[in-house]
N, C-alpha and C. Protein backbone atom coordinates (compact mmCIF):
# COMPACT_ATOMS: atom_id res chain seq x y z
N MET A 1 88.20 71.85 121.12
CA MET A 1 87.11 71.55 122.04
C MET A 1 87.32 70.16 122.63
N GLU A 2 87.00 70.03 123.89
CA GLU A 2 87.16 68.76 124.59
C GLU A 2 85.98 67.82 124.29
N PRO A 3 86.26 66.52 124.18
CA PRO A 3 85.16 65.56 123.99
C PRO A 3 84.34 65.42 125.27
N ILE A 4 83.08 65.07 125.11
CA ILE A 4 82.22 64.83 126.27
C ILE A 4 81.55 63.47 126.11
N LEU A 5 81.24 62.86 127.23
CA LEU A 5 80.51 61.60 127.26
C LEU A 5 79.04 61.88 127.53
N VAL A 6 78.18 61.24 126.76
CA VAL A 6 76.75 61.41 126.91
C VAL A 6 76.13 60.04 127.12
N GLN A 7 75.42 59.88 128.24
CA GLN A 7 74.76 58.60 128.50
C GLN A 7 73.58 58.44 127.56
N VAL A 8 73.45 57.24 127.02
CA VAL A 8 72.38 56.95 126.07
C VAL A 8 71.13 56.50 126.81
N TYR A 9 70.06 57.22 126.56
CA TYR A 9 68.72 56.84 127.02
C TYR A 9 67.86 56.66 125.78
N ASP A 10 66.58 56.44 125.97
CA ASP A 10 65.68 56.14 124.85
C ASP A 10 65.80 57.13 123.69
N ASP A 11 65.96 58.41 124.01
CA ASP A 11 65.98 59.42 122.94
C ASP A 11 67.24 59.36 122.07
N LEU A 12 68.27 58.65 122.51
CA LEU A 12 69.50 58.55 121.74
C LEU A 12 69.76 57.15 121.18
N VAL A 13 68.84 56.23 121.37
CA VAL A 13 69.06 54.85 120.92
C VAL A 13 69.20 54.79 119.41
N ASP A 14 68.36 55.50 118.67
CA ASP A 14 68.42 55.43 117.20
C ASP A 14 69.78 55.87 116.67
N ILE A 15 70.24 57.02 117.09
CA ILE A 15 71.53 57.54 116.60
C ILE A 15 72.68 56.66 117.10
N THR A 16 72.57 56.16 118.31
CA THR A 16 73.61 55.28 118.85
C THR A 16 73.72 54.03 118.00
N SER A 17 72.59 53.44 117.64
CA SER A 17 72.60 52.24 116.83
C SER A 17 73.26 52.50 115.47
N LEU A 18 72.91 53.58 114.83
CA LEU A 18 73.49 53.91 113.52
C LEU A 18 75.00 54.10 113.61
N ILE A 19 75.43 54.92 114.56
CA ILE A 19 76.85 55.21 114.72
C ILE A 19 77.61 53.95 115.11
N ALA A 20 77.08 53.22 116.08
CA ALA A 20 77.75 52.03 116.58
C ALA A 20 77.90 50.97 115.49
N GLN A 21 76.84 50.76 114.71
CA GLN A 21 76.93 49.77 113.64
C GLN A 21 77.95 50.19 112.59
N ASP A 22 77.97 51.45 112.22
CA ASP A 22 78.94 51.93 111.23
C ASP A 22 80.37 51.70 111.70
N ILE A 23 80.66 52.11 112.94
CA ILE A 23 82.01 51.95 113.48
C ILE A 23 82.37 50.47 113.58
N PHE A 24 81.44 49.68 114.09
CA PHE A 24 81.68 48.26 114.31
C PHE A 24 81.95 47.52 113.00
N ILE A 25 81.10 47.73 112.00
CA ILE A 25 81.26 47.06 110.71
C ILE A 25 82.58 47.46 110.06
N ASP A 26 82.88 48.76 110.11
CA ASP A 26 84.14 49.24 109.55
C ASP A 26 85.33 48.57 110.25
N TYR A 27 85.25 48.44 111.56
CA TYR A 27 86.35 47.88 112.32
C TYR A 27 86.52 46.38 112.08
N TYR A 28 85.41 45.62 112.10
CA TYR A 28 85.50 44.17 112.06
C TYR A 28 85.52 43.55 110.67
N THR A 29 85.18 44.29 109.64
CA THR A 29 85.21 43.72 108.29
C THR A 29 86.59 43.16 107.93
N PRO A 30 87.70 43.88 108.18
CA PRO A 30 89.02 43.28 107.86
C PRO A 30 89.37 42.06 108.71
N ILE A 31 88.78 41.95 109.88
CA ILE A 31 89.11 40.84 110.79
C ILE A 31 88.26 39.61 110.47
N ASN A 32 86.94 39.80 110.34
CA ASN A 32 86.03 38.67 110.19
C ASN A 32 85.32 38.60 108.83
N GLY A 33 85.45 39.62 108.01
CA GLY A 33 84.70 39.68 106.76
C GLY A 33 83.43 40.48 106.95
N LYS A 34 82.95 41.07 105.86
CA LYS A 34 81.81 41.98 105.93
C LYS A 34 80.53 41.28 106.40
N ASP A 35 80.25 40.08 105.90
CA ASP A 35 79.02 39.38 106.30
C ASP A 35 78.99 39.10 107.80
N HIS A 36 80.09 38.61 108.32
CA HIS A 36 80.18 38.30 109.75
C HIS A 36 80.06 39.59 110.57
N ALA A 37 80.77 40.64 110.17
CA ALA A 37 80.72 41.92 110.89
C ALA A 37 79.31 42.50 110.87
N THR A 38 78.66 42.43 109.72
CA THR A 38 77.29 42.96 109.60
C THR A 38 76.32 42.15 110.45
N TYR A 39 76.47 40.84 110.46
CA TYR A 39 75.63 39.99 111.29
C TYR A 39 75.76 40.36 112.77
N MET A 40 77.02 40.51 113.22
CA MET A 40 77.25 40.85 114.62
C MET A 40 76.69 42.24 114.95
N ALA A 41 76.88 43.20 114.06
CA ALA A 41 76.36 44.55 114.30
C ALA A 41 74.85 44.53 114.40
N ASN A 42 74.19 43.81 113.50
CA ASN A 42 72.73 43.72 113.53
C ASN A 42 72.24 43.01 114.78
N LYS A 43 72.97 42.01 115.21
CA LYS A 43 72.57 41.23 116.39
C LYS A 43 72.77 42.00 117.69
N PHE A 44 73.92 42.67 117.83
CA PHE A 44 74.28 43.27 119.11
C PHE A 44 74.09 44.79 119.17
N LEU A 45 73.92 45.45 118.03
CA LEU A 45 73.85 46.91 118.04
C LEU A 45 72.62 47.46 117.33
N SER A 46 71.63 46.63 117.14
CA SER A 46 70.36 47.13 116.60
C SER A 46 69.69 48.01 117.65
N LYS A 47 68.74 48.81 117.23
CA LYS A 47 67.99 49.64 118.18
C LYS A 47 67.37 48.77 119.26
N GLU A 48 66.81 47.64 118.85
CA GLU A 48 66.14 46.75 119.80
C GLU A 48 67.14 46.16 120.80
N ALA A 49 68.31 45.75 120.31
CA ALA A 49 69.31 45.16 121.20
C ALA A 49 69.83 46.19 122.20
N ILE A 50 70.09 47.41 121.73
CA ILE A 50 70.57 48.46 122.63
C ILE A 50 69.51 48.80 123.66
N LYS A 51 68.27 48.95 123.22
CA LYS A 51 67.17 49.27 124.13
C LYS A 51 67.03 48.18 125.20
N GLU A 52 67.09 46.93 124.78
CA GLU A 52 66.98 45.82 125.73
C GLU A 52 68.13 45.84 126.74
N GLU A 53 69.35 46.10 126.28
CA GLU A 53 70.50 46.17 127.19
C GLU A 53 70.32 47.30 128.20
N ILE A 54 69.90 48.46 127.73
CA ILE A 54 69.68 49.60 128.64
C ILE A 54 68.61 49.25 129.67
N ASP A 55 67.53 48.62 129.21
CA ASP A 55 66.45 48.22 130.12
C ASP A 55 66.93 47.24 131.18
N GLN A 56 67.99 46.48 130.88
CA GLN A 56 68.53 45.50 131.81
C GLN A 56 69.67 46.07 132.66
N GLY A 57 69.90 47.39 132.56
CA GLY A 57 70.89 48.03 133.43
C GLY A 57 72.25 48.27 132.81
N THR A 58 72.40 47.97 131.54
CA THR A 58 73.67 48.22 130.86
C THR A 58 73.82 49.72 130.59
N THR A 59 75.03 50.22 130.72
CA THR A 59 75.34 51.61 130.43
C THR A 59 75.91 51.72 129.02
N PHE A 60 75.29 52.55 128.20
CA PHE A 60 75.81 52.92 126.88
C PHE A 60 76.16 54.39 126.96
N LYS A 61 77.32 54.75 126.41
CA LYS A 61 77.69 56.16 126.33
C LYS A 61 78.25 56.45 124.95
N LEU A 62 77.93 57.65 124.47
CA LEU A 62 78.51 58.16 123.25
C LEU A 62 79.61 59.14 123.61
N LEU A 63 80.70 59.10 122.88
CA LEU A 63 81.75 60.09 123.01
C LEU A 63 81.52 61.13 121.92
N MET A 64 81.27 62.36 122.34
CA MET A 64 80.92 63.43 121.41
C MET A 64 82.06 64.43 121.31
N LEU A 65 82.34 64.87 120.09
CA LEU A 65 83.33 65.90 119.84
C LEU A 65 82.71 66.91 118.87
N ASN A 66 82.64 68.16 119.31
CA ASN A 66 82.02 69.22 118.50
C ASN A 66 80.60 68.85 118.07
N GLY A 67 79.88 68.20 118.98
CA GLY A 67 78.49 67.85 118.72
C GLY A 67 78.29 66.60 117.88
N GLN A 68 79.37 65.94 117.50
CA GLN A 68 79.29 64.74 116.66
C GLN A 68 79.76 63.51 117.44
N PRO A 69 79.04 62.38 117.33
CA PRO A 69 79.49 61.16 118.00
C PRO A 69 80.72 60.59 117.28
N ILE A 70 81.77 60.32 118.05
CA ILE A 70 83.00 59.76 117.46
C ILE A 70 83.36 58.41 118.06
N GLY A 71 82.61 57.96 119.04
CA GLY A 71 82.88 56.67 119.65
C GLY A 71 81.77 56.30 120.61
N PHE A 72 81.87 55.09 121.14
CA PHE A 72 80.86 54.64 122.10
C PHE A 72 81.44 53.54 122.97
N THR A 73 80.77 53.34 124.07
CA THR A 73 81.14 52.26 124.98
C THR A 73 79.88 51.66 125.59
N GLU A 74 80.03 50.43 126.03
CA GLU A 74 78.93 49.70 126.68
C GLU A 74 79.54 48.86 127.79
N TYR A 75 78.99 48.98 129.00
CA TYR A 75 79.48 48.18 130.12
C TYR A 75 78.37 47.95 131.14
N LYS A 76 78.58 46.94 131.97
CA LYS A 76 77.59 46.61 133.01
C LYS A 76 78.25 45.84 134.14
N ILE A 77 77.61 45.88 135.28
CA ILE A 77 78.07 45.11 136.43
C ILE A 77 77.74 43.64 136.18
N ASP A 78 78.73 42.80 136.44
CA ASP A 78 78.55 41.35 136.32
C ASP A 78 79.15 40.73 137.58
N ASP A 79 78.30 40.48 138.55
CA ASP A 79 78.71 39.97 139.86
C ASP A 79 79.68 40.94 140.54
N ASP A 80 80.93 40.49 140.75
CA ASP A 80 81.87 41.30 141.51
C ASP A 80 82.81 42.13 140.63
N ARG A 81 82.50 42.23 139.34
CA ARG A 81 83.32 43.02 138.43
C ARG A 81 82.45 43.68 137.36
N VAL A 82 83.08 44.43 136.50
CA VAL A 82 82.36 45.12 135.42
C VAL A 82 82.76 44.49 134.10
N PHE A 83 81.76 44.19 133.28
CA PHE A 83 82.01 43.66 131.94
C PHE A 83 82.00 44.81 130.96
N LEU A 84 83.13 45.07 130.33
CA LEU A 84 83.26 46.09 129.29
C LEU A 84 82.96 45.39 127.96
N SER A 85 81.73 45.54 127.51
CA SER A 85 81.28 44.83 126.33
C SER A 85 81.79 45.44 125.04
N LYS A 86 81.79 46.78 124.98
CA LYS A 86 82.21 47.45 123.75
C LYS A 86 82.91 48.76 124.07
N LEU A 87 83.95 49.03 123.28
CA LEU A 87 84.69 50.28 123.37
C LEU A 87 85.25 50.53 121.97
N TYR A 88 84.65 51.47 121.25
CA TYR A 88 85.02 51.72 119.86
C TYR A 88 85.10 53.21 119.58
N VAL A 89 86.07 53.57 118.75
CA VAL A 89 86.25 54.95 118.30
C VAL A 89 86.28 54.93 116.77
N ASN A 90 85.62 55.91 116.17
CA ASN A 90 85.61 56.06 114.72
C ASN A 90 87.05 56.10 114.20
N LYS A 91 87.30 55.47 113.05
CA LYS A 91 88.66 55.34 112.53
C LYS A 91 89.37 56.68 112.34
N ASP A 92 88.63 57.75 112.07
CA ASP A 92 89.24 59.06 111.87
C ASP A 92 89.73 59.70 113.17
N TYR A 93 89.39 59.09 114.31
CA TYR A 93 89.74 59.68 115.61
C TYR A 93 90.57 58.75 116.49
N ARG A 94 91.03 57.65 115.93
CA ARG A 94 91.82 56.71 116.72
C ARG A 94 93.23 57.25 116.93
N LYS A 95 93.88 56.70 117.95
CA LYS A 95 95.27 57.04 118.31
C LYS A 95 95.40 58.49 118.76
N ARG A 96 94.34 59.02 119.38
CA ARG A 96 94.36 60.39 119.91
C ARG A 96 93.99 60.42 121.40
N GLY A 97 93.86 59.26 122.02
CA GLY A 97 93.54 59.20 123.43
C GLY A 97 92.05 59.11 123.74
N TYR A 98 91.22 59.04 122.71
CA TYR A 98 89.77 59.00 122.95
C TYR A 98 89.33 57.65 123.53
N GLY A 99 89.99 56.57 123.12
CA GLY A 99 89.67 55.27 123.71
C GLY A 99 89.96 55.25 125.20
N LYS A 100 91.04 55.90 125.59
CA LYS A 100 91.40 55.97 127.02
C LYS A 100 90.33 56.74 127.81
N ILE A 101 89.73 57.76 127.19
CA ILE A 101 88.64 58.48 127.85
C ILE A 101 87.48 57.52 128.13
N LEU A 102 87.15 56.70 127.15
CA LEU A 102 86.07 55.72 127.32
C LEU A 102 86.44 54.70 128.39
N LEU A 103 87.67 54.21 128.37
CA LEU A 103 88.11 53.26 129.38
C LEU A 103 88.08 53.88 130.77
N ASN A 104 88.59 55.09 130.90
CA ASN A 104 88.61 55.74 132.21
C ASN A 104 87.21 55.92 132.78
N ASP A 105 86.23 56.16 131.91
CA ASP A 105 84.84 56.25 132.37
C ASP A 105 84.39 54.91 132.96
N CYS A 106 84.75 53.83 132.31
CA CYS A 106 84.39 52.50 132.81
C CYS A 106 85.12 52.20 134.12
N ILE A 107 86.38 52.60 134.20
CA ILE A 107 87.14 52.41 135.44
C ILE A 107 86.49 53.17 136.59
N GLU A 108 86.10 54.40 136.34
CA GLU A 108 85.43 55.20 137.37
C GLU A 108 84.12 54.55 137.80
N TYR A 109 83.39 54.02 136.83
CA TYR A 109 82.14 53.31 137.12
C TYR A 109 82.42 52.11 138.02
N ALA A 110 83.45 51.34 137.69
CA ALA A 110 83.79 50.17 138.51
C ALA A 110 84.14 50.59 139.93
N ARG A 111 84.98 51.61 140.04
CA ARG A 111 85.38 52.08 141.38
C ARG A 111 84.19 52.60 142.18
N SER A 112 83.32 53.36 141.53
CA SER A 112 82.17 53.93 142.24
C SER A 112 81.17 52.86 142.67
N ASN A 113 81.26 51.70 142.04
CA ASN A 113 80.40 50.58 142.42
C ASN A 113 81.16 49.51 143.20
N ASN A 114 82.35 49.89 143.71
CA ASN A 114 83.17 49.00 144.54
C ASN A 114 83.51 47.68 143.87
N LYS A 115 83.76 47.73 142.57
CA LYS A 115 84.18 46.54 141.84
C LYS A 115 85.69 46.58 141.68
N LYS A 116 86.32 45.45 141.82
CA LYS A 116 87.78 45.38 141.83
C LYS A 116 88.40 45.20 140.45
N SER A 117 87.57 44.79 139.45
CA SER A 117 88.15 44.56 138.14
C SER A 117 87.15 44.81 137.02
N ILE A 118 87.72 44.95 135.84
CA ILE A 118 86.96 45.08 134.60
C ILE A 118 87.43 43.94 133.72
N TYR A 119 86.50 43.28 133.04
CA TYR A 119 86.92 42.27 132.08
C TYR A 119 86.22 42.50 130.76
N LEU A 120 86.80 41.93 129.72
CA LEU A 120 86.27 42.10 128.36
C LEU A 120 86.64 40.88 127.54
N THR A 121 86.02 40.77 126.39
CA THR A 121 86.43 39.79 125.40
C THR A 121 86.94 40.55 124.19
N VAL A 122 88.00 40.02 123.58
CA VAL A 122 88.56 40.66 122.40
C VAL A 122 88.93 39.55 121.41
N ASN A 123 88.56 39.76 120.17
CA ASN A 123 88.86 38.81 119.11
C ASN A 123 90.36 38.53 119.10
N LYS A 124 90.72 37.26 118.97
CA LYS A 124 92.13 36.87 119.01
C LYS A 124 92.95 37.51 117.89
N HIS A 125 92.31 37.93 116.82
CA HIS A 125 93.02 38.54 115.69
C HIS A 125 92.90 40.06 115.69
N ASN A 126 92.31 40.61 116.74
CA ASN A 126 92.11 42.05 116.85
C ASN A 126 93.37 42.68 117.48
N LYS A 127 94.01 43.57 116.75
CA LYS A 127 95.23 44.21 117.24
C LYS A 127 94.98 45.07 118.49
N THR A 128 93.73 45.40 118.77
CA THR A 128 93.41 46.19 119.95
C THR A 128 93.80 45.46 121.23
N LYS A 129 93.93 44.14 121.17
CA LYS A 129 94.35 43.42 122.37
C LYS A 129 95.69 43.95 122.87
N ASP A 130 96.55 44.40 121.96
CA ASP A 130 97.83 44.98 122.38
C ASP A 130 97.63 46.29 123.15
N LEU A 131 96.63 47.06 122.75
CA LEU A 131 96.31 48.29 123.47
C LEU A 131 95.80 47.95 124.86
N TYR A 132 94.95 46.94 124.97
CA TYR A 132 94.47 46.52 126.28
C TYR A 132 95.62 46.03 127.16
N LEU A 133 96.56 45.32 126.57
CA LEU A 133 97.74 44.90 127.33
C LEU A 133 98.50 46.12 127.83
N HIS A 134 98.63 47.12 126.99
CA HIS A 134 99.28 48.38 127.39
C HIS A 134 98.53 49.05 128.54
N TRP A 135 97.21 48.91 128.54
CA TRP A 135 96.37 49.48 129.59
C TRP A 135 96.27 48.55 130.80
N ASP A 136 97.18 47.63 130.94
CA ASP A 136 97.30 46.72 132.09
C ASP A 136 96.22 45.65 132.18
N PHE A 137 95.60 45.32 131.08
CA PHE A 137 94.74 44.14 131.05
C PHE A 137 95.64 42.93 130.86
N LYS A 138 95.20 41.81 131.38
CA LYS A 138 95.94 40.57 131.23
C LYS A 138 95.01 39.53 130.62
N ILE A 139 95.54 38.70 129.75
CA ILE A 139 94.75 37.60 129.18
C ILE A 139 94.59 36.55 130.28
N ILE A 140 93.33 36.23 130.59
CA ILE A 140 93.08 35.25 131.65
C ILE A 140 92.43 33.97 131.13
N ASP A 141 91.95 34.00 129.88
CA ASP A 141 91.30 32.82 129.33
C ASP A 141 91.04 33.05 127.84
N SER A 142 90.56 32.02 127.19
CA SER A 142 90.09 32.17 125.82
C SER A 142 88.79 31.40 125.69
N VAL A 143 87.97 31.83 124.75
CA VAL A 143 86.65 31.24 124.61
C VAL A 143 86.20 31.35 123.16
N VAL A 144 85.48 30.34 122.72
CA VAL A 144 84.83 30.36 121.41
C VAL A 144 83.34 30.29 121.68
N THR A 145 82.62 31.32 121.19
CA THR A 145 81.19 31.43 121.47
C THR A 145 80.40 31.39 120.18
N ASP A 146 79.44 30.48 120.10
CA ASP A 146 78.55 30.39 118.94
C ASP A 146 77.55 31.53 119.04
N ILE A 147 77.48 32.37 118.01
CA ILE A 147 76.54 33.49 118.03
C ILE A 147 75.43 33.33 116.98
N GLY A 148 75.32 32.12 116.42
CA GLY A 148 74.27 31.85 115.45
C GLY A 148 74.71 32.08 114.02
N ASN A 149 73.88 31.62 113.09
CA ASN A 149 74.09 31.83 111.66
C ASN A 149 75.45 31.26 111.20
N ASN A 150 75.92 30.20 111.87
CA ASN A 150 77.21 29.57 111.59
C ASN A 150 78.41 30.47 111.87
N TYR A 151 78.26 31.44 112.77
CA TYR A 151 79.35 32.33 113.16
C TYR A 151 79.73 32.07 114.61
N VAL A 152 81.00 32.27 114.89
CA VAL A 152 81.49 32.19 116.27
C VAL A 152 82.33 33.43 116.57
N MET A 153 82.46 33.71 117.84
CA MET A 153 83.41 34.72 118.31
C MET A 153 84.55 33.94 118.96
N ASP A 154 85.76 34.11 118.44
CA ASP A 154 86.96 33.44 118.93
C ASP A 154 87.77 34.49 119.69
N ASP A 155 87.61 34.52 121.00
CA ASP A 155 88.09 35.63 121.81
C ASP A 155 89.03 35.23 122.92
N TYR A 156 89.83 36.22 123.33
CA TYR A 156 90.52 36.17 124.60
C TYR A 156 89.63 36.87 125.61
N ILE A 157 89.68 36.41 126.85
CA ILE A 157 89.07 37.13 127.96
C ILE A 157 90.22 37.85 128.65
N MET A 158 90.07 39.16 128.80
CA MET A 158 91.12 39.96 129.42
C MET A 158 90.54 40.66 130.65
N GLU A 159 91.39 40.87 131.64
CA GLU A 159 90.93 41.50 132.89
C GLU A 159 91.93 42.55 133.34
N ASN A 160 91.38 43.60 133.91
CA ASN A 160 92.20 44.66 134.49
C ASN A 160 91.75 44.82 135.94
N ARG A 161 92.70 44.68 136.83
CA ARG A 161 92.43 44.96 138.24
C ARG A 161 92.41 46.47 138.36
N VAL A 162 91.27 47.05 138.67
CA VAL A 162 91.05 48.49 138.60
C VAL A 162 92.11 49.29 139.34
N GLY A 163 92.56 48.81 140.46
CA GLY A 163 93.56 49.54 141.22
C GLY A 163 94.95 49.53 140.58
N GLU A 164 95.14 48.69 139.57
CA GLU A 164 96.45 48.55 138.93
C GLU A 164 96.55 49.28 137.60
N THR A 165 95.52 50.06 137.23
CA THR A 165 95.47 50.73 135.94
C THR A 165 96.37 51.95 135.91
N LYS A 166 97.07 52.12 134.79
CA LYS A 166 97.94 53.31 134.61
C LYS A 166 97.11 54.55 134.42
């Protein structure tokens, strides 16, 4: 069965928060430690945070396979480009092309809104940056952002010119 993308509205916020936090904590614990990963998940992927983002025009989508959520993405227009805030796939479904489905959805969104590029932040120790490089993103900057509770995000800023995507 083919995966499908489902846009998250109020009725899906609860399940999105649960799934997103599970995937996020599992992914970031080896990179930043469990406390840091849990803090970030609670801050950025709580029901309240997701609801607030949606209310402000952010798009959240779940990637569903056989009726089960296996990944999610979050993106929004930021001036003349699209900010891809999150793109995650459950560990049991990685390396099967599902991340590319999520990325292609964001690319289509950028094109349909006449935006020339997509940018994102990725932890400097996150191996996914290599996947983004493969997908024609380029590192354009680096930034350290204080997110509270004595935690920071130490990230690269990467950009993909939408017309140059493979």
